[in-house]
Amino acid sequence: MKDEYKEFYETDENDKDSKSDAKVILFLIIVAVIAMTYWVAVQ
């Protein structure tokens, strides 16, 4: 499994950076969905 990641990322540090970026993007999407849901409910 580790070898598969080596194809895409030069170093382990880059691999970890991409995982943290994905977590941040997921968090922002969740916040946006909650905000839109609240905005629609208030209308």
Protein backbone atom coordinates (compact mmCIF):
# COMPACT_ATOMS: atom_id res chain seq x y z
CA MET A 1 0.00 0.00 0.00
CA LYS A 2 2.85 2.35 0.81
CA ASP A 3 4.38 1.74 -2.62
CA GLU A 4 1.20 2.96 -4.32
CA TYR A 5 1.56 6.35 -2.63
CA LYS A 6 5.19 6.58 -3.75
CA GLU A 7 3.95 6.87 -7.34
CA PHE A 8 2.16 10.12 -6.56
CA TYR A 9 4.26 11.74 -3.85
CA GLU A 10 8.01 12.26 -3.81
CA THR A 11 8.31 12.20 -0.02
CA ASP A 12 6.31 11.21 3.02
CA GLU A 13 6.07 14.89 3.92
CA ASN A 14 4.23 15.64 0.67
CA ASP A 15 1.93 12.69 1.34
CA LYS A 16 1.09 14.05 4.80
CA ASP A 17 0.56 17.55 3.39
CA SER A 18 -1.94 16.26 0.87
CA LYS A 19 -3.84 14.37 3.57
CA SER A 20 -4.05 17.47 5.77
CA ASP A 21 -5.18 19.53 2.76
CA ALA A 22 -7.94 17.01 2.14
CA LYS A 23 -9.07 17.27 5.77
CA VAL A 24 -9.19 21.08 5.55
CA ILE A 25 -11.21 20.95 2.32
CA LEU A 26 -13.62 18.42 3.84
CA PHE A 27 -14.06 20.67 6.89
CA LEU A 28 -14.76 23.70 4.69
CA ILE A 29 -17.33 21.75 2.66
CA ILE A 30 -19.11 20.64 5.84
CA VAL A 31 -19.17 24.23 7.17
CA ALA A 32 -20.51 25.49 3.82
CA VAL A 33 -23.29 22.89 3.78
CA ILE A 34 -24.30 23.77 7.35
CA ALA A 35 -24.26 27.49 6.51
CA MET A 36 -26.40 26.96 3.38
CA THR A 37 -28.84 24.77 5.29
CA TYR A 38 -29.19 27.44 7.99
CA TRP A 39 -29.59 30.22 5.40
CA VAL A 40 -32.34 28.31 3.57
CA ALA A 41 -34.12 27.51 6.84
CA VAL A 42 -34.15 31.16 7.90
CA GLN A 43 -35.61 32.40 4.61
